[in-house]
N, C-alpha and C. Protein backbone atom coordinates (compact mmCIF):
# COMPACT_ATOMS: atom_id res chain seq x y z
N MET A 1 -26.67 -57.96 1.02
CA MET A 1 -27.13 -57.58 -0.31
C MET A 1 -26.46 -58.46 -1.36
N LYS A 2 -25.23 -58.89 -1.14
CA LYS A 2 -24.55 -59.71 -2.14
C LYS A 2 -25.33 -60.99 -2.42
N SER A 3 -25.93 -61.56 -1.35
CA SER A 3 -26.69 -62.79 -1.57
C SER A 3 -27.93 -62.53 -2.38
N GLU A 4 -28.56 -61.36 -2.22
CA GLU A 4 -29.75 -61.00 -3.03
C GLU A 4 -29.36 -60.79 -4.49
N CYS A 5 -28.22 -60.16 -4.72
CA CYS A 5 -27.73 -59.96 -6.08
C CYS A 5 -27.44 -61.31 -6.72
N ARG A 6 -26.84 -62.22 -5.97
CA ARG A 6 -26.52 -63.54 -6.47
C ARG A 6 -27.82 -64.29 -6.78
N ALA A 7 -28.82 -64.18 -5.91
CA ALA A 7 -30.10 -64.85 -6.12
C ALA A 7 -30.78 -64.31 -7.39
N LEU A 8 -30.69 -63.03 -7.63
CA LEU A 8 -31.26 -62.44 -8.82
C LEU A 8 -30.54 -62.94 -10.07
N SER A 9 -29.24 -62.99 -10.00
CA SER A 9 -28.45 -63.50 -11.12
C SER A 9 -28.80 -64.95 -11.43
N GLU A 10 -29.00 -65.75 -10.39
CA GLU A 10 -29.38 -67.15 -10.58
C GLU A 10 -30.75 -67.27 -11.22
N ARG A 11 -31.69 -66.41 -10.82
CA ARG A 11 -33.02 -66.44 -11.40
C ARG A 11 -32.97 -66.14 -12.89
N PHE A 12 -32.18 -65.15 -13.26
CA PHE A 12 -32.04 -64.81 -14.67
C PHE A 12 -31.38 -65.95 -15.45
N ALA A 13 -30.40 -66.59 -14.83
CA ALA A 13 -29.71 -67.70 -15.46
C ALA A 13 -30.61 -68.89 -15.70
N GLU A 14 -31.66 -69.03 -14.88
CA GLU A 14 -32.58 -70.15 -15.02
C GLU A 14 -33.60 -69.97 -16.16
N LEU A 15 -33.70 -68.75 -16.68
CA LEU A 15 -34.64 -68.51 -17.77
C LEU A 15 -34.20 -69.30 -19.02
N PRO A 16 -35.17 -69.78 -19.81
CA PRO A 16 -34.79 -70.48 -21.02
C PRO A 16 -33.97 -69.60 -21.95
N VAL A 17 -33.07 -70.24 -22.67
CA VAL A 17 -32.19 -69.51 -23.60
C VAL A 17 -33.06 -68.73 -24.59
N GLY A 18 -32.73 -67.46 -24.77
CA GLY A 18 -33.46 -66.62 -25.73
C GLY A 18 -34.68 -65.92 -25.13
N LYS A 19 -35.02 -66.23 -23.88
CA LYS A 19 -36.21 -65.60 -23.28
C LYS A 19 -35.90 -64.29 -22.57
N LEU A 20 -34.66 -64.08 -22.23
CA LEU A 20 -34.25 -62.82 -21.58
C LEU A 20 -33.40 -62.07 -22.56
N LEU A 21 -33.98 -61.04 -23.15
CA LEU A 21 -33.25 -60.29 -24.17
C LEU A 21 -32.52 -59.09 -23.57
N ASP A 22 -33.18 -58.41 -22.63
CA ASP A 22 -32.60 -57.20 -22.07
C ASP A 22 -33.34 -56.89 -20.78
N VAL A 23 -32.63 -56.39 -19.82
CA VAL A 23 -33.23 -56.01 -18.56
C VAL A 23 -32.69 -54.65 -18.15
N LYS A 24 -33.59 -53.74 -17.90
CA LYS A 24 -33.21 -52.42 -17.40
C LYS A 24 -34.20 -52.03 -16.32
N PHE A 25 -33.67 -51.50 -15.27
CA PHE A 25 -34.53 -51.03 -14.18
C PHE A 25 -34.19 -49.56 -13.94
N PHE A 26 -35.12 -48.69 -14.20
CA PHE A 26 -34.92 -47.27 -14.02
C PHE A 26 -35.49 -46.87 -12.65
N ILE A 27 -34.63 -46.39 -11.80
CA ILE A 27 -35.00 -45.98 -10.46
C ILE A 27 -35.29 -44.50 -10.44
N LYS A 28 -36.54 -44.15 -10.22
CA LYS A 28 -36.95 -42.74 -10.29
C LYS A 28 -36.41 -41.91 -9.12
N ASN A 29 -36.50 -42.45 -7.93
CA ASN A 29 -36.09 -41.68 -6.77
C ASN A 29 -34.88 -42.36 -6.12
N THR A 30 -33.72 -42.08 -6.66
CA THR A 30 -32.50 -42.72 -6.17
C THR A 30 -32.10 -42.21 -4.76
N GLY A 31 -32.66 -41.11 -4.36
CA GLY A 31 -32.35 -40.58 -3.02
C GLY A 31 -33.01 -41.38 -1.92
N GLU A 32 -34.12 -42.06 -2.24
CA GLU A 32 -34.85 -42.81 -1.23
C GLU A 32 -34.73 -44.34 -1.43
N ALA A 33 -34.51 -44.76 -2.64
CA ALA A 33 -34.46 -46.21 -2.92
C ALA A 33 -33.09 -46.78 -2.53
N THR A 34 -33.13 -47.80 -1.73
CA THR A 34 -31.87 -48.48 -1.37
C THR A 34 -31.71 -49.68 -2.29
N PRO A 35 -30.49 -50.18 -2.43
CA PRO A 35 -30.30 -51.38 -3.26
C PRO A 35 -31.19 -52.54 -2.81
N ASP A 36 -31.33 -52.72 -1.49
CA ASP A 36 -32.18 -53.81 -0.99
C ASP A 36 -33.64 -53.62 -1.38
N MET A 37 -34.13 -52.40 -1.36
CA MET A 37 -35.50 -52.13 -1.78
C MET A 37 -35.69 -52.45 -3.27
N VAL A 38 -34.73 -52.08 -4.06
CA VAL A 38 -34.82 -52.33 -5.51
C VAL A 38 -34.78 -53.84 -5.76
N LEU A 39 -33.90 -54.56 -5.10
CA LEU A 39 -33.83 -56.01 -5.29
C LEU A 39 -35.12 -56.69 -4.84
N GLU A 40 -35.71 -56.23 -3.77
CA GLU A 40 -36.99 -56.78 -3.30
C GLU A 40 -38.07 -56.59 -4.34
N GLU A 41 -38.13 -55.39 -4.92
CA GLU A 41 -39.15 -55.12 -5.95
C GLU A 41 -38.92 -56.00 -7.19
N ILE A 42 -37.69 -56.20 -7.57
CA ILE A 42 -37.40 -57.02 -8.74
C ILE A 42 -37.83 -58.46 -8.46
N HIS A 43 -37.54 -58.97 -7.27
CA HIS A 43 -37.96 -60.33 -6.94
C HIS A 43 -39.50 -60.44 -6.93
N LEU A 44 -40.18 -59.42 -6.43
CA LEU A 44 -41.66 -59.43 -6.44
C LEU A 44 -42.19 -59.44 -7.88
N LEU A 45 -41.56 -58.71 -8.74
CA LEU A 45 -41.93 -58.67 -10.15
C LEU A 45 -41.75 -60.04 -10.78
N LEU A 46 -40.60 -60.67 -10.51
CA LEU A 46 -40.34 -61.99 -11.07
C LEU A 46 -41.28 -63.05 -10.48
N ASP A 47 -41.61 -62.93 -9.20
CA ASP A 47 -42.58 -63.82 -8.58
C ASP A 47 -43.93 -63.75 -9.28
N ALA A 48 -44.39 -62.53 -9.55
CA ALA A 48 -45.65 -62.34 -10.22
C ALA A 48 -45.61 -62.95 -11.64
N ARG A 49 -44.50 -62.76 -12.33
CA ARG A 49 -44.36 -63.32 -13.68
C ARG A 49 -44.43 -64.83 -13.63
N GLU A 50 -43.76 -65.44 -12.66
CA GLU A 50 -43.75 -66.89 -12.53
C GLU A 50 -45.11 -67.45 -12.18
N LYS A 51 -45.96 -66.64 -11.52
CA LYS A 51 -47.32 -67.08 -11.15
C LYS A 51 -48.31 -66.79 -12.28
N GLY A 52 -47.82 -66.30 -13.40
CA GLY A 52 -48.71 -66.03 -14.54
C GLY A 52 -49.46 -64.71 -14.48
N CYS A 53 -49.00 -63.82 -13.65
CA CYS A 53 -49.66 -62.51 -13.49
C CYS A 53 -49.01 -61.46 -14.41
N SER A 54 -48.68 -61.85 -15.61
CA SER A 54 -48.05 -60.91 -16.52
C SER A 54 -48.46 -61.25 -17.95
N ALA A 55 -48.21 -60.32 -18.84
CA ALA A 55 -48.51 -60.52 -20.24
C ALA A 55 -47.40 -59.88 -21.07
N PRO A 56 -47.01 -60.50 -22.18
CA PRO A 56 -45.97 -59.93 -23.02
C PRO A 56 -46.43 -58.58 -23.59
N LEU A 57 -45.50 -57.67 -23.73
CA LEU A 57 -45.78 -56.37 -24.33
C LEU A 57 -45.05 -56.28 -25.66
N SER A 58 -45.70 -55.65 -26.61
CA SER A 58 -45.03 -55.39 -27.87
C SER A 58 -45.22 -53.92 -28.20
N PHE A 59 -44.13 -53.22 -28.30
CA PHE A 59 -44.19 -51.80 -28.62
C PHE A 59 -43.98 -51.57 -30.10
N GLY A 60 -43.74 -52.64 -30.86
CA GLY A 60 -43.61 -52.55 -32.30
C GLY A 60 -42.39 -51.82 -32.76
N ASP A 61 -41.43 -51.56 -31.89
CA ASP A 61 -40.26 -50.81 -32.29
C ASP A 61 -38.97 -51.62 -32.21
N ALA A 62 -39.08 -52.89 -31.93
CA ALA A 62 -37.87 -53.72 -31.82
C ALA A 62 -37.61 -54.45 -33.12
N THR A 63 -36.36 -54.60 -33.44
CA THR A 63 -35.96 -55.32 -34.63
C THR A 63 -35.10 -56.51 -34.18
N ILE A 64 -35.48 -57.70 -34.62
CA ILE A 64 -34.70 -58.87 -34.26
C ILE A 64 -33.99 -59.33 -35.54
N VAL A 65 -32.69 -59.46 -35.46
CA VAL A 65 -31.90 -59.86 -36.59
C VAL A 65 -31.43 -61.28 -36.35
N SER A 66 -31.79 -62.17 -37.26
CA SER A 66 -31.33 -63.58 -37.18
C SER A 66 -30.22 -63.80 -38.19
N ASN A 67 -29.22 -64.52 -37.79
CA ASN A 67 -28.12 -64.86 -38.70
C ASN A 67 -28.32 -66.23 -39.27
C-alpha cells in the first residue's frame, strides 16, 4: 500500500501549479472499504480525468483571494 500512496502523491505533484486546490475523499462505508480499494478508485478517477472524461464543476460558493 505504501507504494500506491507514493504513486498517488507523485500524481498530485505532477499537476500544474495552482491546478490542485483541495482534495477530499469521503468514504461512505468504512467498514467495507480497504485502503487499497480507495487508492484504486482514486487512480481510476485520475485516469478518467487524464483521458478527458471529466468536466470542471462550479458550485458558486468558493471564494478565491489573490494577494
